[in-house]
Amino acid sequence: MYILFFFSFSFFRKCYCCVDRAPRSKGKATSRRPKNKKGKASLKDVDPEIFELIKEEEKRQRCGLELIASEVIDKLEVLCQERALKVFNLDPKEWAVNVQPYSGSTANFAAMNGLLNVGDRFMGLHLPDGGHLSHGFYRPEKAVNISAKYFTSLPYYIDPSTGYIDYDDLEKQALRFCPKLIIGGSSAYPRDWDYKRLREIADKTKAILLIDMAHFSGLVAAKIINNPFEFADVVTTTTHKSLRATRAALIFCRTKYAKDINYSVFPGTQGGPHNHAIAGIAVALREALAPEFTEYAKQIVLNCRTLANELKTMGHKIATGGTDTHLLLWDLRPHVMCLMGPKKNILKMPNETIILHKIMLTSNFFYDGLTGAKVEYVCDLTAITINKNTVHGDKSALNPGGVRVGTPALTSRGFKEEDFKVVAKLLDEVCQLSIAIQQEAGSTKHSDFTAIADKSEKVKDLKRRVEEFAEKFPIPGRILE
């Protein structure tokens, strides 16, 4: 147990540090953290409270006969809870927080399980419109997520003309559906949320309001975007995204819901907590209170807006026309390509694309839009990490029409606006390469596309240039030697 315990603590410190860019000639990023003799960030100096708890546990295990689970961990968990409330400026008399959830999806289900009975109604943003699986996603033939299996879910949507949440339609649906719970928040919606409007809708239907801020909680902590705590009853978040802690989740709730939600977490949906993760969260929450974290969060948004604007300037379509947060949604469907083949193979495209190109459709040609899956594949080959993502109107999550791009990780490496202009050029080059590969394949089959991409010398050259550029920005944290 001793070895396992301390291995886990050596691993937990994966939360990224706030970095300053060093001169490019040296190619290094520097940290404001205190350093130990080896030049590494010292936990003893960065977070002496957590350090002392670990040392206390080390002594207890070394000097005793360990036959049960660790007893000092409760102190660590309480400290993590106190910091979580402090980061979001919450009064412990009004708010409680559970720091044990393993992930965002389990946190969401645990919260719903504590608030709802089996079969109760709730509403969440539709997955292809930017929602999350755990917000009740289902297909006509079956419930895709467990939240839709045990409860009765109804999606709400974005306005297709603007890409923004259609709050008017949400209100109309809620008044008819009478949900017990309304979920705000998303996994691929680039704009800020109108929490006041959600609260008004929830009050009209006597619904509990849950906000899932998993992707943007770091921006909330830094007061860069709207604060959901002003209007919500329950707030969930992962910890490893813009909050940049270890992988886990938190559930905040008004104190009147705390007993039911805590019981739902344990013993309702989980076993023992991951104490090494809780330690990592506690350290990251301490960092989130520092002025450097606010600067980091501001830079995330500046970088994302720069990236969105650069891609738009190059002629690409960005959902909603831009972003308020750390992510953008890149709609690839306008990149329509003419391929030889029978007309029966025409893929369904957005209405505006059909109208634009219908005069060109003949029995000898068909048209294939550039998909997120294909661009994601070429990005993987060129050392760029993005993910395919549904955009409004998509029928398949496996072959969606867009990709999701976020800026937190590169911002932690010291990237600024000028650097993201370079990133935009590289992404544009990926797109152009993907179009050329698709045209060479002459087929809509993904396997035909990947076969050509794997052999492309242009793809290999782009990978080399991406790696040369990326290596100028060392990743924060410890490097295996």
Protein backbone atom coordinates (compact mmCIF):
# COMPACT_ATOMS: atom_id res chain seq x y z
CA MET A 1 0.00 0.00 0.00
CA TYR A 2 2.85 2.35 0.84
CA ILE A 3 4.32 2.12 -2.64
CA LEU A 4 0.98 2.51 -4.36
CA PHE A 5 0.02 5.46 -2.19
CA PHE A 6 3.09 7.49 -2.95
CA PHE A 7 3.19 6.56 -6.59
CA SER A 8 -0.28 8.05 -6.90
CA PHE A 9 0.84 11.26 -5.24
CA SER A 10 3.84 11.54 -7.53
CA PHE A 11 1.41 11.29 -10.42
CA PHE A 12 -1.27 13.69 -9.23
CA ARG A 13 0.73 16.84 -9.88
CA LYS A 14 -0.24 16.98 -13.51
CA CYS A 15 -2.03 20.29 -13.19
CA TYR A 16 -0.39 22.78 -15.49
CA CYS A 17 1.60 25.73 -14.23
CA CYS A 18 1.13 29.35 -15.26
CA VAL A 19 4.05 30.05 -17.56
CA ASP A 20 5.80 33.11 -18.88
CA ARG A 21 7.32 32.94 -22.31
CA ALA A 22 11.09 33.00 -22.25
CA PRO A 23 13.04 34.52 -25.16
CA ARG A 24 12.44 32.55 -28.33
CA SER A 25 16.14 32.07 -28.88
CA LYS A 26 16.26 29.85 -25.81
CA GLY A 27 13.02 28.12 -26.69
CA LYS A 28 11.87 27.75 -23.10
CA ALA A 29 8.91 28.71 -20.99
CA THR A 30 9.53 29.79 -17.42
CA SER A 31 7.42 29.35 -14.34
CA ARG A 32 6.77 31.71 -11.48
CA ARG A 33 6.73 28.74 -9.10
CA PRO A 34 9.50 28.26 -6.52
CA LYS A 35 12.11 25.73 -7.63
CA ASN A 36 13.92 22.97 -5.80
CA LYS A 37 17.59 22.08 -6.21
CA LYS A 38 16.90 20.31 -9.50
CA GLY A 39 15.10 23.31 -10.93
CA LYS A 40 11.68 21.71 -10.59
CA ALA A 41 8.62 23.25 -8.96
CA SER A 42 8.60 22.31 -5.29
CA LEU A 43 5.32 21.17 -3.73
CA LYS A 44 6.69 22.17 -0.32
CA ASP A 45 6.96 25.78 -1.48
CA VAL A 46 3.97 25.83 -3.83
CA ASP A 47 1.49 24.25 -1.43
CA PRO A 48 2.90 23.65 2.07
CA GLU A 49 -0.49 22.56 3.46
CA ILE A 50 -0.79 19.65 1.04
CA PHE A 51 2.89 18.88 1.48
CA GLU A 52 2.50 18.56 5.25
CA LEU A 53 -0.55 16.30 4.88
CA ILE A 54 1.43 13.99 2.61
CA LYS A 55 4.36 13.96 5.02
CA GLU A 56 1.99 13.21 7.88
CA GLU A 57 0.57 10.26 5.97
CA GLU A 58 4.06 9.09 5.03
CA LYS A 59 5.08 9.03 8.69
CA ARG A 60 1.90 7.24 9.73
CA GLN A 61 2.45 4.47 7.20
CA ARG A 62 6.18 4.16 7.87
CA CYS A 63 5.87 3.99 11.64
CA GLY A 64 2.79 1.80 11.90
CA LEU A 65 1.21 -1.39 10.64
CA GLU A 66 -1.13 -0.36 7.82
CA LEU A 67 -4.17 -2.68 7.75
CA ILE A 68 -6.93 -0.21 6.74
CA ALA A 69 -7.42 2.75 4.42
CA SER A 70 -5.62 6.02 5.11
CA GLU A 71 -7.02 8.03 8.01
CA VAL A 72 -5.42 11.39 7.23
CA ILE A 73 -7.23 11.72 3.91
CA ASP A 74 -10.28 13.37 5.49
CA LYS A 75 -8.14 16.41 6.29
CA LEU A 76 -7.10 16.61 2.66
CA GLU A 77 -10.69 16.33 1.41
CA VAL A 78 -11.92 19.06 3.76
CA LEU A 79 -9.11 21.36 2.62
CA CYS A 80 -10.04 20.70 -1.02
CA GLN A 81 -13.68 21.55 -0.29
CA GLU A 82 -12.72 24.79 1.43
CA ARG A 83 -10.58 25.83 -1.52
CA ALA A 84 -13.27 24.93 -4.06
CA LEU A 85 -15.78 27.20 -2.34
CA LYS A 86 -13.19 29.97 -2.04
CA VAL A 87 -12.20 29.85 -5.72
CA PHE A 88 -15.78 30.56 -6.77
CA ASN A 89 -16.41 32.98 -3.89
CA LEU A 90 -19.18 30.87 -2.34
CA ASP A 91 -20.57 31.17 1.18
CA PRO A 92 -20.29 27.77 2.95
CA LYS A 93 -23.57 28.54 4.71
CA GLU A 94 -25.33 28.61 1.32
CA TRP A 95 -23.24 26.24 -0.79
CA ALA A 96 -21.73 22.78 -0.36
CA VAL A 97 -19.32 20.91 -2.62
CA ASN A 98 -18.56 17.23 -3.16
CA VAL A 99 -14.99 16.66 -4.40
CA GLN A 100 -15.22 12.86 -4.83
CA PRO A 101 -16.73 12.38 -8.35
CA TYR A 102 -14.43 10.51 -10.71
CA SER A 103 -15.43 12.40 -13.87
CA GLY A 104 -17.90 14.86 -15.33
CA SER A 105 -20.38 12.28 -16.57
CA THR A 106 -20.48 10.48 -13.23
CA ALA A 107 -20.86 13.83 -11.47
CA ASN A 108 -23.80 14.75 -13.68
CA PHE A 109 -25.52 11.41 -13.16
CA ALA A 110 -24.90 11.49 -9.42
CA ALA A 111 -26.45 14.96 -9.24
CA MET A 112 -29.47 13.87 -11.29
CA ASN A 113 -29.82 10.69 -9.26
CA GLY A 114 -29.90 12.76 -6.09
CA LEU A 115 -32.42 15.26 -7.44
CA LEU A 116 -34.76 13.10 -9.54
CA ASN A 117 -36.77 9.93 -9.24
CA VAL A 118 -36.70 7.30 -11.97
CA GLY A 119 -38.76 8.55 -14.92
CA ASP A 120 -38.72 12.23 -13.88
CA ARG A 121 -38.47 14.75 -16.71
CA PHE A 122 -35.50 16.97 -17.49
CA MET A 123 -34.15 19.04 -20.38
CA GLY A 124 -30.65 19.53 -21.79
CA LEU A 125 -29.04 21.01 -24.90
CA HIS A 126 -29.21 18.67 -27.92
CA LEU A 127 -25.90 16.89 -28.53
CA PRO A 128 -25.50 17.94 -32.21
CA ASP A 129 -26.18 21.53 -31.13
CA GLY A 130 -23.30 21.50 -28.65
CA GLY A 131 -24.74 19.59 -25.71
CA HIS A 132 -23.19 16.68 -23.85
CA LEU A 133 -24.06 12.99 -23.86
CA SER A 134 -24.79 13.06 -20.14
CA HIS A 135 -27.47 15.73 -20.64
CA GLY A 136 -30.00 13.14 -21.76
CA PHE A 137 -28.96 12.20 -25.29
CA TYR A 138 -31.06 9.55 -26.98
CA ARG A 139 -31.91 8.28 -30.44
CA PRO A 140 -35.36 7.21 -31.66
CA GLU A 141 -34.40 3.56 -31.27
CA LYS A 142 -32.72 3.74 -27.85
CA ALA A 143 -31.36 5.84 -25.01
CA VAL A 144 -27.70 6.51 -25.78
CA ASN A 145 -26.74 7.76 -22.33
CA ILE A 146 -27.80 6.35 -18.97
CA SER A 147 -29.35 9.72 -18.08
CA ALA A 148 -31.93 9.18 -20.83
CA LYS A 149 -32.47 5.57 -19.80
CA TYR A 150 -33.41 6.21 -16.18
CA PHE A 151 -35.04 9.62 -16.63
CA THR A 152 -37.24 11.18 -19.32
CA SER A 153 -35.28 13.75 -21.30
CA LEU A 154 -36.25 16.35 -23.88
CA PRO A 155 -33.63 18.35 -25.79
CA TYR A 156 -33.65 22.04 -26.52
CA TYR A 157 -31.84 23.59 -29.47
CA ILE A 158 -29.85 26.45 -30.89
CA ASP A 159 -31.37 28.90 -33.35
CA PRO A 160 -30.15 27.60 -36.73
CA SER A 161 -30.02 31.11 -38.15
CA THR A 162 -27.61 32.40 -35.50
CA GLY A 163 -26.09 29.37 -33.80
CA TYR A 164 -27.04 30.80 -30.40
CA ILE A 165 -29.22 29.07 -27.79
CA ASP A 166 -32.89 29.58 -28.66
CA TYR A 167 -34.13 30.62 -25.22
CA ASP A 168 -37.61 31.51 -26.50
CA ASP A 169 -38.13 28.03 -27.90
CA LEU A 170 -36.64 26.51 -24.75
CA GLU A 171 -39.22 28.35 -22.67
CA LYS A 172 -42.09 27.20 -24.90
CA GLN A 173 -40.95 23.58 -24.70
CA ALA A 174 -40.40 23.77 -20.94
CA LEU A 175 -43.89 25.14 -20.31
CA ARG A 176 -45.34 22.18 -22.24
CA PHE A 177 -42.96 19.50 -20.94
CA CYS A 178 -42.88 20.65 -17.27
CA PRO A 179 -39.40 19.31 -16.45
CA LYS A 180 -38.28 18.83 -12.87
CA LEU A 181 -34.72 19.74 -13.89
CA ILE A 182 -33.22 21.99 -16.58
CA ILE A 183 -29.54 21.60 -17.48
CA GLY A 184 -27.51 24.47 -18.88
CA GLY A 185 -23.97 24.08 -20.14
CA SER A 186 -22.38 22.34 -23.09
CA SER A 187 -19.39 20.56 -24.55
CA ALA A 188 -19.21 22.39 -27.88
CA TYR A 189 -21.00 25.73 -27.61
CA PRO A 190 -18.59 28.67 -28.08
CA ARG A 191 -20.74 31.41 -26.59
CA ASP A 192 -21.47 32.53 -23.03
CA TRP A 193 -24.73 31.54 -21.34
CA ASP A 194 -27.64 33.70 -20.20
CA TYR A 195 -28.07 32.20 -16.74
CA LYS A 196 -30.62 34.81 -15.72
CA ARG A 197 -32.89 33.73 -18.57
CA LEU A 198 -32.44 30.08 -17.64
CA ARG A 199 -33.38 30.90 -14.05
CA GLU A 200 -36.53 32.67 -15.20
CA ILE A 201 -37.54 29.66 -17.31
CA ALA A 202 -36.80 27.27 -14.45
CA ASP A 203 -38.89 29.35 -12.06
CA LYS A 204 -41.85 29.37 -14.45
CA THR A 205 -41.81 25.58 -14.58
CA LYS A 206 -40.76 25.08 -10.92
CA ALA A 207 -37.65 23.25 -12.13
CA ILE A 208 -34.27 22.86 -10.48
CA LEU A 209 -31.51 24.57 -12.49
CA LEU A 210 -28.27 22.62 -12.96
CA ILE A 211 -25.34 24.19 -14.80
CA ASP A 212 -22.60 21.98 -16.20
CA MET A 213 -19.57 24.26 -16.51
CA ALA A 214 -17.09 21.44 -17.14
CA HIS A 215 -15.41 23.10 -20.10
CA PHE A 216 -15.30 26.68 -18.92
CA SER A 217 -15.05 26.54 -15.12
CA GLY A 218 -11.58 28.07 -15.23
CA LEU A 219 -13.00 31.12 -17.00
CA VAL A 220 -15.73 31.36 -14.35
CA ALA A 221 -13.13 31.16 -11.58
CA ALA A 222 -11.19 33.99 -13.21
CA LYS A 223 -14.37 36.04 -13.66
CA ILE A 224 -13.86 36.21 -17.43
CA ILE A 225 -17.40 35.06 -18.32
CA ASN A 226 -20.82 35.04 -16.65
CA ASN A 227 -21.14 33.47 -13.21
CA PRO A 228 -23.62 30.54 -13.06
CA PHE A 229 -23.59 30.47 -9.26
CA GLU A 230 -25.71 33.63 -9.14
CA PHE A 231 -28.70 31.75 -10.57
CA ALA A 232 -28.10 27.98 -10.35
CA ASP A 233 -29.19 25.44 -7.75
CA VAL A 234 -26.50 22.92 -8.69
CA VAL A 235 -23.24 23.38 -10.61
CA THR A 236 -21.02 20.56 -11.86
CA THR A 237 -17.59 20.73 -13.43
CA THR A 238 -14.70 18.59 -14.46
CA THR A 239 -11.34 19.71 -13.12
CA HIS A 240 -8.92 18.87 -15.93
CA LYS A 241 -10.01 21.30 -18.63
CA SER A 242 -9.76 25.09 -18.24
CA LEU A 243 -9.35 24.64 -14.46
CA ARG A 244 -6.27 22.54 -15.36
CA ALA A 245 -6.18 20.19 -12.40
CA THR A 246 -6.00 16.40 -12.41
CA ARG A 247 -8.84 14.41 -14.03
CA ALA A 248 -11.89 14.36 -11.76
CA ALA A 249 -15.03 16.42 -11.09
CA LEU A 250 -16.82 18.58 -8.52
CA ILE A 251 -20.49 18.98 -7.62
CA PHE A 252 -21.53 22.28 -6.06
CA CYS A 253 -25.05 22.61 -4.71
CA ARG A 254 -27.23 24.75 -2.50
CA THR A 255 -27.01 23.33 1.01
CA LYS A 256 -30.60 22.05 0.92
CA TYR A 257 -29.60 19.58 -1.82
CA ALA A 258 -26.29 18.51 -0.25
CA LYS A 259 -27.52 15.49 1.71
CA ASP A 260 -29.28 13.87 -1.25
CA ILE A 261 -26.43 14.55 -3.69
CA ASN A 262 -23.72 13.39 -1.29
CA TYR A 263 -25.63 10.17 -0.68
CA SER A 264 -26.02 9.74 -4.43
CA VAL A 265 -22.26 10.03 -4.93
CA PHE A 266 -21.47 7.59 -2.12
CA PRO A 267 -22.80 4.98 -1.69
CA GLY A 268 -25.22 5.63 -4.56
CA THR A 269 -22.99 5.66 -7.64
CA GLN A 270 -19.37 5.36 -6.48
CA GLY A 271 -17.14 3.48 -4.07
CA GLY A 272 -14.11 4.95 -2.38
CA PRO A 273 -12.80 8.35 -3.50
CA HIS A 274 -9.63 8.76 -5.56
CA ASN A 275 -7.60 10.53 -2.91
CA HIS A 276 -4.58 11.21 -5.10
CA ALA A 277 -6.88 13.07 -7.52
CA ILE A 278 -8.41 15.07 -4.68
CA ALA A 279 -4.89 16.13 -3.65
CA GLY A 280 -4.16 17.27 -7.19
CA ILE A 281 -7.42 19.22 -7.33
CA ALA A 282 -6.60 20.94 -4.05
CA VAL A 283 -3.23 22.12 -5.36
CA ALA A 284 -4.76 23.37 -8.61
CA LEU A 285 -7.49 25.23 -6.72
CA ARG A 286 -4.82 27.02 -4.72
CA GLU A 287 -3.19 28.06 -7.99
CA ALA A 288 -6.54 29.25 -9.34
CA LEU A 289 -6.60 31.85 -6.56
CA ALA A 290 -3.36 33.42 -7.81
CA PRO A 291 -3.31 36.51 -10.10
CA GLU A 292 -1.34 34.50 -12.67
CA PHE A 293 -4.32 32.21 -13.18
CA THR A 294 -6.54 35.17 -14.09
CA GLU A 295 -3.97 36.28 -16.65
CA TYR A 296 -3.86 32.76 -18.02
CA ALA A 297 -7.66 32.66 -18.37
CA LYS A 298 -7.71 36.02 -20.14
CA GLN A 299 -5.06 34.79 -22.54
CA ILE A 300 -7.09 31.66 -23.30
CA VAL A 301 -9.97 33.79 -24.59
CA LEU A 302 -7.71 36.21 -26.48
CA ASN A 303 -6.00 33.28 -28.18
CA CYS A 304 -9.27 31.61 -29.11
CA ARG A 305 -10.72 34.80 -30.58
CA THR A 306 -7.53 35.33 -32.56
CA LEU A 307 -7.70 31.79 -33.93
CA ALA A 308 -11.37 32.17 -34.87
CA ASN A 309 -10.79 35.51 -36.59
CA GLU A 310 -7.80 34.20 -38.53
CA LEU A 311 -9.71 31.17 -39.78
CA LYS A 312 -12.63 33.39 -40.80
CA THR A 313 -10.25 35.67 -42.69
CA MET A 314 -9.03 32.62 -44.59
CA GLY A 315 -12.60 31.88 -45.65
CA HIS A 316 -13.55 29.21 -43.13
CA LYS A 317 -16.92 29.05 -41.38
CA ILE A 318 -16.91 29.34 -37.59
CA ALA A 319 -20.14 28.43 -35.78
CA THR A 320 -21.89 31.56 -34.39
CA GLY A 321 -19.26 33.64 -36.19
CA GLY A 322 -16.82 33.56 -33.29
CA THR A 323 -16.35 32.71 -29.62
CA ASP A 324 -16.69 34.11 -26.10
CA THR A 325 -14.80 31.29 -24.45
CA HIS A 326 -11.89 28.88 -24.79
CA LEU A 327 -13.23 26.92 -27.75
CA LEU A 328 -14.45 27.36 -31.28
CA LEU A 329 -16.50 25.11 -33.50
CA TRP A 330 -15.22 24.90 -37.07
CA ASP A 331 -17.95 24.02 -39.59
CA LEU A 332 -16.35 22.16 -42.51
CA ARG A 333 -19.50 21.47 -44.50
CA PRO A 334 -19.15 24.48 -46.82
CA HIS A 335 -16.05 22.82 -48.29
CA VAL A 336 -18.02 20.95 -50.97
CA MET A 337 -16.01 18.86 -53.41
CA CYS A 338 -17.00 17.58 -56.83
CA LEU A 339 -16.29 13.88 -57.28
CA MET A 340 -16.91 11.51 -60.17
CA GLY A 341 -19.62 8.98 -59.46
CA PRO A 342 -23.30 8.08 -59.68
CA LYS A 343 -25.83 10.63 -58.55
CA LYS A 344 -27.34 8.16 -56.06
CA ASN A 345 -24.30 8.65 -53.80
CA ILE A 346 -25.06 12.32 -53.12
CA LEU A 347 -24.75 13.02 -49.42
CA LYS A 348 -27.28 15.22 -47.66
CA MET A 349 -25.83 18.67 -47.15
CA PRO A 350 -27.11 21.78 -45.34
CA ASN A 351 -30.01 23.45 -47.15
CA GLU A 352 -27.95 26.46 -48.16
CA THR A 353 -25.33 24.19 -49.76
CA ILE A 354 -27.95 22.24 -51.70
CA ILE A 355 -29.42 25.46 -53.06
CA LEU A 356 -25.98 26.79 -53.95
CA HIS A 357 -24.91 23.71 -55.87
CA LYS A 358 -28.12 22.12 -57.11
CA ILE A 359 -27.60 23.54 -60.59
CA MET A 360 -24.31 21.64 -60.76
CA LEU A 361 -25.71 18.22 -59.92
CA THR A 362 -25.72 15.85 -62.90
CA SER A 363 -25.88 12.11 -63.40
CA ASN A 364 -22.08 11.99 -63.72
CA PHE A 365 -21.08 13.77 -60.51
CA PHE A 366 -21.80 13.77 -56.81
CA TYR A 367 -20.65 16.05 -54.01
CA ASP A 368 -19.06 15.25 -50.68
CA GLY A 369 -18.59 17.72 -47.89
CA LEU A 370 -15.31 17.69 -46.00
CA THR A 371 -16.05 15.91 -42.72
CA GLY A 372 -14.70 16.37 -39.25
CA ALA A 373 -13.52 12.76 -39.20
CA LYS A 374 -11.30 13.32 -42.24
CA VAL A 375 -9.78 16.56 -40.99
CA GLU A 376 -9.24 14.98 -37.58
CA TYR A 377 -7.38 12.12 -39.25
CA VAL A 378 -5.03 14.43 -41.15
CA CYS A 379 -4.48 16.46 -38.00
CA ASP A 380 -3.47 13.28 -36.17
CA LEU A 381 -0.96 12.54 -38.93
CA THR A 382 0.51 16.04 -38.64
CA ALA A 383 0.89 16.20 -34.84
CA ILE A 384 -2.13 18.44 -34.31
CA THR A 385 -4.71 17.32 -31.77
CA ILE A 386 -8.33 18.30 -32.38
CA ASN A 387 -11.54 16.28 -32.35
CA LYS A 388 -14.36 15.76 -34.80
CA ASN A 389 -17.59 17.27 -33.52
CA THR A 390 -21.20 17.55 -34.54
CA VAL A 391 -22.54 20.87 -35.77
CA HIS A 392 -26.18 21.86 -36.06
CA GLY A 393 -27.93 19.74 -38.69
CA ASP A 394 -25.61 16.73 -38.45
CA LYS A 395 -27.25 13.32 -38.42
CA SER A 396 -24.25 11.29 -37.28
CA ALA A 397 -21.80 11.80 -34.43
CA LEU A 398 -19.43 9.30 -36.08
CA ASN A 399 -19.16 11.31 -39.29
CA PRO A 400 -19.88 14.91 -38.24
CA GLY A 401 -19.47 18.08 -40.23
CA GLY A 402 -17.20 19.96 -37.87
CA VAL A 403 -14.26 19.93 -35.50
CA ARG A 404 -13.83 21.38 -32.03
CA VAL A 405 -10.73 23.38 -31.20
CA GLY A 406 -9.68 24.70 -27.78
CA THR A 407 -6.83 26.94 -26.61
CA PRO A 408 -6.15 26.15 -22.89
CA ALA A 409 -3.35 23.59 -23.34
CA LEU A 410 -1.30 25.69 -25.76
CA THR A 411 -1.92 28.78 -23.65
CA SER A 412 -0.36 26.91 -20.72
CA ARG A 413 2.70 26.40 -22.92
CA GLY A 414 3.07 30.15 -23.42
CA PHE A 415 1.27 30.65 -26.75
CA LYS A 416 0.09 34.21 -27.40
CA GLU A 417 -2.01 35.77 -30.17
CA GLU A 418 0.79 35.88 -32.74
CA ASP A 419 1.48 32.20 -32.17
CA PHE A 420 -2.15 31.30 -32.78
CA LYS A 421 -1.97 33.09 -36.11
CA VAL A 422 0.63 30.50 -37.03
CA VAL A 423 -1.66 27.76 -35.70
CA ALA A 424 -4.46 29.09 -37.91
CA LYS A 425 -2.23 28.87 -40.98
CA LEU A 426 -1.32 25.29 -40.12
CA LEU A 427 -4.99 24.36 -39.67
CA ASP A 428 -5.82 25.99 -42.99
CA GLU A 429 -3.08 23.94 -44.60
CA VAL A 430 -4.55 20.77 -43.06
CA CYS A 431 -7.91 21.69 -44.54
CA GLN A 432 -6.48 22.27 -48.02
CA LEU A 433 -4.54 19.02 -47.84
CA SER A 434 -7.69 17.17 -46.80
CA ILE A 435 -9.60 18.60 -49.75
CA ALA A 436 -6.83 17.54 -52.14
CA ILE A 437 -6.69 14.04 -50.64
CA GLN A 438 -10.47 13.70 -50.91
CA GLN A 439 -10.40 14.72 -54.55
CA GLU A 440 -7.60 12.25 -55.27
CA ALA A 441 -9.53 9.47 -53.54
CA GLY A 442 -12.57 10.13 -55.74
CA SER A 443 -14.72 8.35 -53.18
CA THR A 444 -16.69 9.11 -50.03
CA LYS A 445 -15.23 6.08 -48.24
CA HIS A 446 -13.17 6.96 -45.19
CA SER A 447 -10.81 4.05 -45.87
CA ASP A 448 -9.98 5.40 -49.34
CA PHE A 449 -9.25 8.80 -47.81
CA THR A 450 -6.97 7.45 -45.08
CA ALA A 451 -5.05 5.22 -47.49
CA ILE A 452 -3.96 8.23 -49.52
CA ALA A 453 -3.36 10.42 -46.47
CA ASP A 454 -1.04 7.82 -44.94
CA LYS A 455 1.24 7.94 -47.99
CA SER A 456 1.14 11.69 -48.64
CA GLU A 457 4.55 13.36 -48.67
CA LYS A 458 2.88 16.74 -48.14
CA VAL A 459 1.30 15.42 -44.95
CA LYS A 460 4.70 14.20 -43.74
CA ASP A 461 6.27 17.57 -44.53
CA LEU A 462 3.55 19.40 -42.63
CA LYS A 463 4.10 17.15 -39.61
CA ARG A 464 7.79 18.03 -39.63
CA ARG A 465 7.03 21.76 -39.68
CA VAL A 466 4.39 21.45 -36.95
CA GLU A 467 6.83 19.61 -34.68
CA GLU A 468 9.56 22.20 -35.28
CA PHE A 469 7.15 24.96 -34.32
CA ALA A 470 5.73 23.15 -31.29
CA GLU A 471 9.12 22.32 -29.80
CA LYS A 472 9.75 26.02 -29.18
CA PHE A 473 7.18 25.84 -26.38
CA PRO A 474 8.08 23.26 -23.70
CA ILE A 475 5.18 21.66 -21.89
CA PRO A 476 4.87 22.63 -18.21
CA GLY A 477 5.34 20.06 -15.50
CA ARG A 478 7.84 17.26 -15.18
CA ILE A 479 9.44 15.60 -18.19
CA LEU A 480 10.35 11.91 -17.97
CA GLU A 481 14.09 11.46 -18.27
